Protein backbone atom coordinates (compact mmCIF):
# COMPACT_ATOMS: atom_id res chain seq x y z
CA MET A 1 -71.50 -46.26 -55.43
CA ALA A 2 -74.62 -45.04 -57.25
CA GLU A 3 -76.86 -46.19 -54.39
CA TRP A 4 -75.28 -43.63 -52.05
CA LEU A 5 -75.48 -39.83 -52.07
CA ALA A 6 -78.05 -39.59 -54.85
CA SER A 7 -78.11 -35.77 -54.76
CA TRP A 8 -74.34 -35.56 -55.12
CA VAL A 9 -72.64 -35.10 -58.49
CA GLY A 10 -70.05 -37.76 -59.26
CA GLY A 11 -66.58 -36.43 -58.64
CA ALA A 12 -63.72 -36.27 -56.14
CA ALA A 13 -65.83 -35.14 -53.19
CA LYS A 14 -68.50 -37.82 -53.52
CA GLU A 15 -66.02 -40.57 -54.37
CA GLY A 16 -63.72 -39.61 -51.52
CA ILE A 17 -66.50 -39.61 -48.93
CA VAL A 18 -67.98 -42.93 -50.05
CA SER A 19 -64.55 -44.54 -50.22
CA PHE A 20 -63.63 -43.42 -46.70
CA VAL A 21 -66.92 -44.55 -45.17
CA GLU A 22 -66.91 -47.93 -46.90
CA SER A 23 -63.26 -48.52 -45.96
CA SER A 24 -64.02 -47.61 -42.35
CA ALA A 25 -66.31 -50.65 -42.11
CA ASP A 26 -63.95 -53.06 -43.88
CA GLN A 27 -61.75 -54.89 -41.39
CA GLY A 28 -59.31 -55.76 -44.15
CA SER A 29 -58.80 -52.11 -45.10
CA GLU A 30 -56.09 -49.77 -43.83
CA GLY A 31 -58.87 -47.27 -43.25
CA PHE A 32 -60.81 -49.53 -40.89
CA VAL A 33 -62.32 -47.73 -37.89
CA PRO A 34 -63.54 -49.78 -34.89
CA VAL A 35 -67.31 -49.45 -34.47
CA ALA A 36 -66.96 -47.79 -31.08
CA ASP A 37 -64.84 -45.03 -32.64
CA ARG A 38 -67.18 -44.32 -35.55
CA VAL A 39 -68.24 -40.90 -34.33
CA ALA A 40 -69.25 -38.35 -36.99
CA ALA A 41 -69.77 -34.72 -35.99
CA PHE A 42 -71.52 -32.04 -38.01
CA ASP A 43 -71.81 -28.32 -37.53
CA ASN A 44 -75.40 -27.10 -37.89
CA ASP A 45 -75.85 -23.60 -39.36
CA GLY A 46 -74.53 -23.47 -42.91
CA THR A 47 -73.63 -27.15 -42.82
CA LEU A 48 -77.05 -28.78 -42.40
CA TRP A 49 -79.37 -25.91 -43.25
CA VAL A 50 -79.34 -22.30 -44.49
CA GLU A 51 -77.67 -19.76 -42.20
CA GLN A 52 -78.24 -16.64 -44.32
CA PRO A 53 -79.14 -13.84 -43.92
CA SER A 54 -78.55 -14.85 -40.28
CA PRO A 55 -78.43 -18.10 -38.31
CA VAL A 56 -81.97 -19.39 -37.74
CA GLN A 57 -81.75 -19.09 -33.97
CA ALA A 58 -80.65 -15.43 -34.07
CA PRO A 59 -84.07 -13.79 -34.62
CA PHE A 60 -85.62 -16.10 -32.01
CA LEU A 61 -83.12 -14.93 -29.42
CA LEU A 62 -83.13 -11.31 -30.58
CA GLU A 63 -86.90 -11.07 -30.25
CA LYS A 64 -86.67 -12.41 -26.71
CA LEU A 65 -84.07 -9.86 -25.69
CA VAL A 66 -85.94 -6.98 -27.33
CA ALA A 67 -88.95 -8.00 -25.24
CA GLU A 68 -86.71 -7.87 -22.16
CA VAL A 69 -85.77 -4.28 -23.02
CA ARG A 70 -89.43 -3.33 -23.38
CA GLU A 71 -90.04 -4.58 -19.86
CA ASN A 72 -86.86 -2.97 -18.49
CA PRO A 73 -85.75 0.01 -20.67
CA SER A 74 -82.56 0.53 -18.63
CA LEU A 75 -81.14 -2.60 -20.26
CA ALA A 76 -80.83 -0.65 -23.52
CA GLU A 77 -77.76 1.09 -22.07
CA ILE A 78 -75.70 -2.09 -21.68
CA ASP A 79 -74.43 -4.76 -24.04
CA PRO A 80 -75.59 -6.94 -25.65
CA PHE A 81 -78.98 -5.22 -25.40
CA LYS A 82 -77.51 -1.93 -26.61
CA GLY A 83 -76.09 -3.57 -29.72
CA ILE A 84 -79.45 -5.17 -30.43
CA VAL A 85 -81.76 -2.17 -30.02
CA THR A 86 -79.41 0.17 -31.90
CA ARG A 87 -78.77 -2.51 -34.53
CA ASP A 88 -75.04 -1.93 -34.15
CA PRO A 89 -73.55 -3.39 -37.36
CA VAL A 90 -70.33 -4.46 -35.60
CA PHE A 91 -72.25 -6.39 -32.96
CA LEU A 92 -74.67 -7.98 -35.42
CA ASP A 93 -71.85 -8.94 -37.79
CA GLY A 94 -69.98 -10.51 -34.88
CA LEU A 95 -73.07 -12.48 -33.98
CA ALA A 96 -73.59 -13.65 -37.57
CA ARG A 97 -69.92 -14.67 -37.84
CA GLN A 98 -70.16 -16.39 -34.44
CA VAL A 99 -67.29 -14.41 -32.94
CA PRO A 100 -66.83 -16.20 -29.58
CA GLU A 101 -66.76 -13.12 -27.30
CA VAL A 102 -69.85 -11.66 -28.98
CA VAL A 103 -71.72 -14.98 -28.81
CA LEU A 104 -70.76 -15.45 -25.16
CA SER A 105 -72.06 -12.00 -24.20
CA PHE A 106 -75.23 -12.72 -26.10
CA LEU A 107 -75.74 -16.12 -24.48
CA GLU A 108 -75.26 -14.68 -21.01
CA ALA A 109 -78.18 -12.33 -21.63
CA VAL A 110 -80.20 -15.18 -23.10
CA GLY A 111 -79.51 -17.24 -19.99
CA ALA A 112 -81.05 -14.57 -17.80
CA ALA A 113 -84.07 -14.20 -20.10
CA TRP A 114 -85.05 -17.88 -19.82
CA GLU A 115 -83.93 -18.50 -16.24
CA GLY A 116 -86.44 -20.71 -14.42
CA THR A 117 -87.99 -22.05 -17.64
CA THR A 118 -88.68 -25.79 -17.89
CA PRO A 119 -87.41 -27.79 -20.91
CA ALA A 120 -90.99 -28.25 -22.13
CA GLU A 121 -91.75 -24.53 -21.91
CA TYR A 122 -88.61 -23.59 -23.82
CA GLU A 123 -89.22 -26.21 -26.50
CA ALA A 124 -92.77 -24.93 -27.00
CA GLU A 125 -91.41 -21.43 -27.65
CA VAL A 126 -88.91 -22.77 -30.18
CA LEU A 127 -91.53 -24.79 -32.06
CA ALA A 128 -93.91 -21.81 -32.15
CA PHE A 129 -91.13 -19.65 -33.61
CA LEU A 130 -90.24 -22.25 -36.26
CA GLU A 131 -93.90 -22.61 -37.18
CA GLU A 132 -94.32 -18.87 -37.78
CA SER A 133 -90.90 -17.69 -38.97
CA ARG A 134 -89.86 -17.69 -42.62
CA ASN A 135 -86.50 -17.30 -44.36
CA GLU A 136 -86.28 -13.79 -45.82
CA ARG A 137 -85.09 -14.87 -49.26
CA PHE A 138 -87.00 -18.08 -49.88
CA GLY A 139 -90.19 -17.22 -47.99
CA VAL A 140 -90.54 -20.74 -46.55
CA ALA A 141 -90.13 -22.25 -43.11
CA HIS A 142 -86.52 -22.70 -42.03
CA THR A 143 -87.14 -26.41 -41.59
CA ALA A 144 -87.77 -26.66 -45.36
CA LEU A 145 -84.23 -25.43 -46.03
CA VAL A 146 -82.30 -28.45 -44.79
CA TYR A 147 -79.67 -29.70 -47.25
CA ARG A 148 -80.82 -32.97 -48.80
CA PRO A 149 -77.25 -34.06 -49.66
CA MET A 150 -76.30 -33.91 -45.98
CA LEU A 151 -79.26 -36.06 -44.95
CA GLU A 152 -78.10 -38.58 -47.55
CA LEU A 153 -74.64 -38.44 -45.98
CA PHE A 154 -76.23 -39.28 -42.62
CA GLU A 155 -77.81 -42.34 -44.25
CA LEU A 156 -74.47 -43.46 -45.69
CA LEU A 157 -72.74 -43.13 -42.34
CA ARG A 158 -75.43 -44.91 -40.36
CA ALA A 159 -75.51 -47.76 -42.85
CA HIS A 160 -71.85 -48.31 -41.95
CA GLU A 161 -72.49 -48.11 -38.18
CA TRP A 162 -71.39 -44.54 -37.63
CA ARG A 163 -73.06 -42.51 -34.89
CA VAL A 164 -74.08 -39.05 -36.11
CA PHE A 165 -73.81 -36.03 -33.81
CA VAL A 166 -74.64 -32.38 -34.39
CA CYS A 167 -72.19 -30.04 -32.68
CA SER A 168 -72.92 -26.33 -32.92
CA GLY A 169 -72.13 -23.07 -31.19
CA GLY A 170 -75.87 -22.46 -31.29
CA GLY A 171 -78.18 -23.39 -28.46
CA ARG A 172 -78.33 -27.13 -27.81
CA ASP A 173 -81.92 -26.99 -26.61
CA PHE A 174 -83.02 -24.92 -29.61
CA MET A 175 -81.65 -27.60 -31.95
CA ARG A 176 -83.07 -30.45 -29.90
CA ALA A 177 -86.58 -29.05 -30.36
CA TYR A 178 -86.57 -29.97 -34.07
CA SER A 179 -83.61 -32.35 -34.52
CA GLU A 180 -85.50 -35.63 -34.41
CA LYS A 181 -88.29 -34.63 -36.80
CA VAL A 182 -86.26 -32.49 -39.22
CA LEU A 183 -82.76 -34.00 -39.18
CA GLY A 184 -83.48 -37.50 -37.92
CA VAL A 185 -80.92 -36.95 -35.14
CA ALA A 186 -81.89 -38.02 -31.62
CA LYS A 187 -81.90 -35.28 -28.99
CA GLU A 188 -79.14 -36.97 -27.04
CA ASN A 189 -76.89 -36.70 -30.12
CA VAL A 190 -77.23 -32.91 -30.29
CA ILE A 191 -74.36 -31.00 -28.72
CA GLY A 192 -74.17 -27.24 -28.34
CA SER A 193 -73.93 -24.29 -26.04
CA ALA A 194 -76.28 -25.01 -23.16
CA PRO A 195 -77.42 -23.75 -19.78
CA GLU A 196 -77.10 -25.55 -16.49
CA TYR A 197 -80.29 -27.14 -15.17
CA VAL A 198 -81.38 -27.67 -11.60
CA PHE A 199 -84.18 -29.84 -10.22
CA ARG A 200 -86.24 -27.54 -8.00
CA ASP A 201 -89.72 -27.89 -6.50
CA GLY A 202 -90.40 -31.07 -8.42
CA GLN A 203 -89.31 -29.90 -11.86
CA LEU A 204 -86.22 -29.30 -13.97
CA VAL A 205 -85.55 -25.63 -14.76
CA ARG A 206 -82.89 -23.62 -16.57
CA GLU A 207 -80.33 -21.65 -14.61
CA ASN A 208 -78.58 -18.46 -15.64
CA ALA A 209 -75.24 -20.22 -16.07
CA MET A 210 -73.46 -21.80 -19.02
CA ARG A 211 -72.64 -25.50 -18.99
CA GLY A 212 -68.96 -25.51 -19.93
CA ASN A 213 -67.50 -23.29 -22.62
CA VAL A 214 -69.39 -22.02 -25.62
CA ALA A 215 -69.30 -24.71 -28.32
CA LEU A 216 -67.25 -22.72 -30.82
CA GLY A 217 -63.68 -23.31 -32.01
CA PRO A 218 -61.87 -25.37 -29.36
CA GLY A 219 -65.16 -25.69 -27.51
CA LYS A 220 -66.41 -28.12 -30.17
CA PRO A 221 -63.92 -30.94 -29.52
CA GLU A 222 -64.23 -30.18 -25.80
CA HIS A 223 -68.00 -30.68 -25.87
CA LEU A 224 -67.75 -33.72 -28.13
CA HIS A 225 -65.32 -35.44 -25.78
CA ALA A 226 -67.43 -34.55 -22.75
CA ARG A 227 -70.50 -36.06 -24.41
CA THR A 228 -69.00 -39.13 -26.10
CA GLY A 229 -65.66 -39.77 -24.40
CA ARG A 230 -64.14 -39.69 -27.89
CA LEU A 231 -63.17 -37.27 -30.63
CA PRO A 232 -64.84 -37.49 -34.05
CA ARG A 233 -63.20 -39.54 -36.77
CA PHE A 234 -65.42 -37.86 -39.41
CA ALA A 235 -66.35 -34.17 -39.21
CA ALA A 236 -68.05 -31.57 -41.41
CA GLY A 237 -68.38 -27.81 -41.09
CA ASN A 238 -68.43 -24.59 -43.06
CA GLY A 239 -67.06 -21.82 -40.86
CA ASP A 240 -63.86 -20.77 -39.13
CA VAL A 241 -65.35 -21.81 -35.77
CA ASP A 242 -65.39 -25.42 -37.06
CA ILE A 243 -61.66 -25.67 -37.72
CA GLU A 244 -60.69 -27.36 -34.45
CA MET A 245 -63.41 -29.98 -34.84
CA LEU A 246 -62.20 -30.82 -38.33
CA GLU A 247 -58.55 -30.85 -37.28
CA VAL A 248 -59.08 -33.73 -34.84
CA ALA A 249 -60.96 -35.89 -37.38
CA ASP A 250 -59.48 -38.46 -39.76
CA PHE A 251 -61.75 -37.24 -42.57
CA ALA A 252 -62.79 -33.59 -42.79
CA VAL A 253 -65.46 -32.06 -45.02
CA VAL A 254 -65.89 -28.33 -45.68
CA ILE A 255 -69.16 -27.09 -47.20
CA VAL A 256 -68.40 -24.23 -49.60
CA HIS A 257 -71.22 -21.75 -50.23
CA ASP A 258 -70.71 -20.79 -53.86
CA ASP A 259 -74.18 -21.11 -55.36
CA GLU A 260 -75.88 -17.72 -55.49
CA ASP A 261 -78.66 -19.01 -57.76
CA ARG A 262 -79.86 -21.89 -55.60
CA GLU A 263 -78.66 -20.82 -52.14
CA PHE A 264 -76.06 -18.15 -51.34
CA SER A 265 -72.47 -17.32 -52.26
CA TYR A 266 -70.33 -16.04 -49.40
CA ALA A 267 -67.06 -16.56 -47.57
CA ALA A 268 -67.46 -14.19 -44.60
CA GLY A 269 -66.61 -16.08 -41.45
CA ALA A 270 -65.08 -18.89 -43.50
CA GLU A 271 -61.91 -17.30 -44.83
CA ALA A 272 -59.60 -19.33 -42.57
CA ILE A 273 -61.32 -22.68 -43.04
CA LEU A 274 -61.34 -22.31 -46.83
CA ASP A 275 -57.62 -21.61 -46.78
CA LYS A 276 -56.77 -24.31 -44.25
CA GLY A 277 -59.00 -26.88 -45.90
CA THR A 278 -57.22 -26.40 -49.21
CA GLN A 279 -53.80 -26.59 -47.58
CA LYS A 280 -54.60 -29.70 -45.56
CA GLY A 281 -56.35 -31.54 -48.37
CA TRP A 282 -59.71 -31.63 -46.65
CA THR A 283 -62.68 -32.54 -48.85
CA MET A 284 -64.02 -29.23 -50.13
CA VAL A 285 -67.66 -29.63 -51.15
CA SER A 286 -68.83 -27.05 -53.66
CA MET A 287 -72.59 -26.49 -53.50
CA SER A 288 -72.64 -25.39 -57.13
CA GLU A 289 -70.55 -28.26 -58.50
CA ASP A 290 -71.02 -31.18 -56.11
CA TRP A 291 -74.76 -31.04 -55.34
CA SER A 292 -77.37 -31.65 -58.02
CA THR A 293 -80.11 -30.80 -55.50
CA ILE A 294 -79.77 -28.60 -52.43
CA PHE A 295 -83.05 -28.76 -50.50
């Protein structure tokens, strides 16, 4: 067991995860999972990298919409632009907590802002933002704040023929811009809220329309099934919007942010999953107690 999850402290969480994954690949075990069904799904913000003081994508999108208001001041009178320019605490808190109706309103405005943009053009904007932007607390690039223990978990799963997917309420194309280099996850294995695309005048461009529901709450298993034809047998998340994804899995992991010294300590937006995870016997991973190294 020592060869796996090197940044994890020995204990119930580590032992439970390793035991499940190893059993899943043992045909003689009651926990055996056919290779085709070995689908593992992970939330992104707060599960794979730091989401405080706000999800990484938020300032990228906010800056874009503020620029839209500069070009068309009348937008400042309607939501979500009004909530952004006035820094309405209710709106911003709803966005940080990923409240579905707030996120949907936000994404509709985002869809209009990037309408007609090619995938390459959008990706270039994302990469430029990630190159320049820094986390407010740590003062380093967001891509330096990926959780090492979770990357080790990816390695464990792949070594036992699991396919790893990222499933987030955040923008699919935003995550795809860095997923291969930073997370080691292929673009096609990144699932999230996404626009429709249309091939027009010899190129693929974004439309101002959502592809399916927003990938939050029930939208997560919906998107996972649409992409894979299956539901995850292993799932990990950290917020209330991840509950449905964890409920459909055989093995569920909840990342608990309780390490103020090395990361953050908070439960906002995770009250329900912390309660449900304890009740259901999900594997509750304490950052302070279960991880010897975070980044």
